[in-house]
């Protein structure tokens, strides 16, 4: 069996690829919202910014890669803006399966 490769700091090409995909999805969403109305595009952009800052401020601070270059480059970025959190809290919250499902379906009795 092959040994899994791990990184202390991810290579730049992985970070670049991951961010290009994310930015591309954000731009597609922004374009769709803009087609609806320019105010919808602004609200969508604000929503994305709030989500990204929430991610790096609440989750990345507890990650092993805080202050390092993770697969998305956000661990390094998080260290520039926020204080280090508790690594034991990373992924500590458990979500019930029902909260993770996008579609809730009522089963017949």
C-alpha atoms as a PDB file:
ATOM      1  CA  UNK A   1       0.000   0.000   0.000  1.00  0.00           C
ATOM      2  CA  UNK A   2       1.284   3.477  -0.883  1.00  0.00           C
ATOM      3  CA  UNK A   3       2.091   5.852   1.917  1.00  0.00           C
ATOM      4  CA  UNK A   4      -0.037   8.981   1.964  1.00  0.00           C
ATOM      5  CA  UNK A   5       1.929  12.156   1.301  1.00  0.00           C
ATOM      6  CA  UNK A   6       1.476  14.919   3.857  1.00  0.00           C
ATOM      7  CA  UNK A   7       2.666  18.510   3.906  1.00  0.00           C
ATOM      8  CA  UNK A   8       3.793  20.841   6.639  1.00  0.00           C
ATOM      9  CA  UNK A   9       3.182  23.653   4.132  1.00  0.00           C
ATOM     10  CA  UNK A  10       1.287  22.917   0.937  1.00  0.00           C
ATOM     11  CA  UNK A  11       2.913  23.631  -2.436  1.00  0.00           C
ATOM     12  CA  UNK A  12       1.848  26.854  -4.117  1.00  0.00           C
ATOM     13  CA  UNK A  13       0.258  25.029  -7.067  1.00  0.00           C
ATOM     14  CA  UNK A  14      -2.238  23.257  -4.783  1.00  0.00           C
ATOM     15  CA  UNK A  15      -3.176  26.524  -3.057  1.00  0.00           C
ATOM     16  CA  UNK A  16      -3.494  28.270  -6.409  1.00  0.00           C
ATOM     17  CA  UNK A  17      -5.655  25.509  -7.900  1.00  0.00           C
ATOM     18  CA  UNK A  18      -7.949  25.378  -4.854  1.00  0.00           C
ATOM     19  CA  UNK A  19      -8.400  29.141  -4.842  1.00  0.00           C
ATOM     20  CA  UNK A  20      -8.962  29.397  -8.589  1.00  0.00           C
ATOM     21  CA  UNK A  21     -11.808  26.878  -8.284  1.00  0.00           C
ATOM     22  CA  UNK A  22     -13.339  28.747  -5.327  1.00  0.00           C
ATOM     23  CA  UNK A  23     -13.010  32.140  -6.982  1.00  0.00           C
ATOM     24  CA  UNK A  24     -14.462  30.784 -10.213  1.00  0.00           C
ATOM     25  CA  UNK A  25     -17.520  29.499  -8.347  1.00  0.00           C
ATOM     26  CA  UNK A  26     -17.897  32.832  -6.548  1.00  0.00           C
ATOM     27  CA  UNK A  27     -17.669  34.723  -9.856  1.00  0.00           C
ATOM     28  CA  UNK A  28     -20.297  32.461 -11.458  1.00  0.00           C
ATOM     29  CA  UNK A  29     -22.606  33.085  -8.487  1.00  0.00           C
ATOM     30  CA  UNK A  30     -21.919  36.803  -8.676  1.00  0.00           C
ATOM     31  CA  UNK A  31     -22.731  36.833 -12.389  1.00  0.00           C
ATOM     32  CA  UNK A  32     -26.002  34.968 -11.802  1.00  0.00           C
ATOM     33  CA  UNK A  33     -26.977  37.387  -9.039  1.00  0.00           C
ATOM     34  CA  UNK A  34     -26.014  40.365 -11.185  1.00  0.00           C
ATOM     35  CA  UNK A  35     -28.300  39.070 -13.928  1.00  0.00           C
ATOM     36  CA  UNK A  36     -31.133  39.174 -11.388  1.00  0.00           C
ATOM     37  CA  UNK A  37     -30.273  42.666 -10.109  1.00  0.00           C
ATOM     38  CA  UNK A  38     -27.136  44.575  -9.189  1.00  0.00           C
ATOM     39  CA  UNK A  39     -28.305  44.801  -5.569  1.00  0.00           C
ATOM     40  CA  UNK A  40     -28.523  40.993  -5.466  1.00  0.00           C
ATOM     41  CA  UNK A  41     -24.904  40.875  -6.659  1.00  0.00           C
ATOM     42  CA  UNK A  42     -23.777  43.245  -3.906  1.00  0.00           C
ATOM     43  CA  UNK A  43     -25.667  41.240  -1.273  1.00  0.00           C
ATOM     44  CA  UNK A  44     -24.123  38.021  -2.596  1.00  0.00           C
ATOM     45  CA  UNK A  45     -20.645  39.544  -2.479  1.00  0.00           C
ATOM     46  CA  UNK A  46     -21.199  40.707   1.113  1.00  0.00           C
ATOM     47  CA  UNK A  47     -22.488  37.237   1.995  1.00  0.00           C
ATOM     48  CA  UNK A  48     -19.346  35.607   0.555  1.00  0.00           C
ATOM     49  CA  UNK A  49     -17.066  38.023   2.414  1.00  0.00           C
ATOM     50  CA  UNK A  50     -18.867  37.384   5.717  1.00  0.00           C
ATOM     51  CA  UNK A  51     -18.624  33.608   5.190  1.00  0.00           C
ATOM     52  CA  UNK A  52     -14.911  33.749   4.339  1.00  0.00           C
ATOM     53  CA  UNK A  53     -14.051  35.940   7.326  1.00  0.00           C
ATOM     54  CA  UNK A  54     -16.176  33.748   9.581  1.00  0.00           C
ATOM     55  CA  UNK A  55     -14.289  30.704   8.323  1.00  0.00           C
ATOM     56  CA  UNK A  56     -10.833  32.131   8.938  1.00  0.00           C
ATOM     57  CA  UNK A  57     -11.859  33.801  12.205  1.00  0.00           C
ATOM     58  CA  UNK A  58     -13.762  30.928  13.806  1.00  0.00           C
ATOM     59  CA  UNK A  59     -12.327  27.760  12.279  1.00  0.00           C
ATOM     60  CA  UNK A  60      -8.902  28.379  10.752  1.00  0.00           C
ATOM     61  CA  UNK A  61      -7.652  29.743  14.091  1.00  0.00           C
ATOM     62  CA  UNK A  62      -8.123  26.265  15.605  1.00  0.00           C
ATOM     63  CA  UNK A  63      -6.587  24.349  12.716  1.00  0.00           C
ATOM     64  CA  UNK A  64      -3.211  22.607  12.709  1.00  0.00           C
ATOM     65  CA  UNK A  65      -2.285  24.738   9.703  1.00  0.00           C
ATOM     66  CA  UNK A  66      -2.834  28.039  11.531  1.00  0.00           C
ATOM     67  CA  UNK A  67       0.133  30.213  10.545  1.00  0.00           C
ATOM     68  CA  UNK A  68       1.142  27.714   7.859  1.00  0.00           C
ATOM     69  CA  UNK A  69       0.185  27.324   4.235  1.00  0.00           C
ATOM     70  CA  UNK A  70      -2.766  24.940   4.159  1.00  0.00           C
ATOM     71  CA  UNK A  71      -4.373  23.568   1.013  1.00  0.00           C
ATOM     72  CA  UNK A  72      -6.367  26.788   0.656  1.00  0.00           C
ATOM     73  CA  UNK A  73      -3.763  29.228   2.005  1.00  0.00           C
ATOM     74  CA  UNK A  74      -6.153  30.403   4.684  1.00  0.00           C
ATOM     75  CA  UNK A  75      -4.128  29.186   7.664  1.00  0.00           C
ATOM     76  CA  UNK A  76      -1.401  31.687   6.858  1.00  0.00           C
ATOM     77  CA  UNK A  77      -3.934  34.431   6.158  1.00  0.00           C
ATOM     78  CA  UNK A  78      -5.823  33.690   9.379  1.00  0.00           C
ATOM     79  CA  UNK A  79      -2.641  34.144  11.425  1.00  0.00           C
ATOM     80  CA  UNK A  80      -2.228  37.642   9.974  1.00  0.00           C
ATOM     81  CA  UNK A  81      -5.693  38.717  11.162  1.00  0.00           C
ATOM     82  CA  UNK A  82      -6.655  36.634  14.220  1.00  0.00           C
ATOM     83  CA  UNK A  83      -5.104  35.168  17.370  1.00  0.00           C
ATOM     84  CA  UNK A  84      -4.485  31.420  17.577  1.00  0.00           C
ATOM     85  CA  UNK A  85      -7.335  29.389  19.007  1.00  0.00           C
ATOM     86  CA  UNK A  86      -7.457  25.925  20.562  1.00  0.00           C
ATOM     87  CA  UNK A  87      -6.519  23.082  18.214  1.00  0.00           C
ATOM     88  CA  UNK A  88      -8.653  20.693  20.281  1.00  0.00           C
ATOM     89  CA  UNK A  89     -11.716  22.675  19.193  1.00  0.00           C
ATOM     90  CA  UNK A  90     -11.109  22.082  15.487  1.00  0.00           C
ATOM     91  CA  UNK A  91     -13.935  19.824  14.250  1.00  0.00           C
ATOM     92  CA  UNK A  92     -15.083  19.316  17.855  1.00  0.00           C
ATOM     93  CA  UNK A  93     -18.710  20.139  17.102  1.00  0.00           C
ATOM     94  CA  UNK A  94     -20.774  17.178  15.980  1.00  0.00           C
ATOM     95  CA  UNK A  95     -23.612  17.668  13.541  1.00  0.00           C
ATOM     96  CA  UNK A  96     -26.545  15.289  13.392  1.00  0.00           C
ATOM     97  CA  UNK A  97     -27.119  13.721   9.996  1.00  0.00           C
ATOM     98  CA  UNK A  98     -30.417  15.588   9.668  1.00  0.00           C
ATOM     99  CA  UNK A  99     -28.553  18.924   9.846  1.00  0.00           C
ATOM    100  CA  UNK A 100     -26.184  17.864   7.074  1.00  0.00           C
ATOM    101  CA  UNK A 101     -28.857  16.852   4.603  1.00  0.00           C
ATOM    102  CA  UNK A 102     -29.843  19.439   2.057  1.00  0.00           C
ATOM    103  CA  UNK A 103     -33.248  17.946   1.363  1.00  0.00           C
ATOM    104  CA  UNK A 104     -35.426  16.720   4.202  1.00  0.00           C
ATOM    105  CA  UNK A 105     -37.874  14.131   3.020  1.00  0.00           C
ATOM    106  CA  UNK A 106     -40.951  13.016   4.923  1.00  0.00           C
ATOM    107  CA  UNK A 107     -41.195   9.252   4.916  1.00  0.00           C
ATOM    108  CA  UNK A 108     -44.698   7.768   4.688  1.00  0.00           C
ATOM    109  CA  UNK A 109     -45.867   5.892   7.783  1.00  0.00           C
END
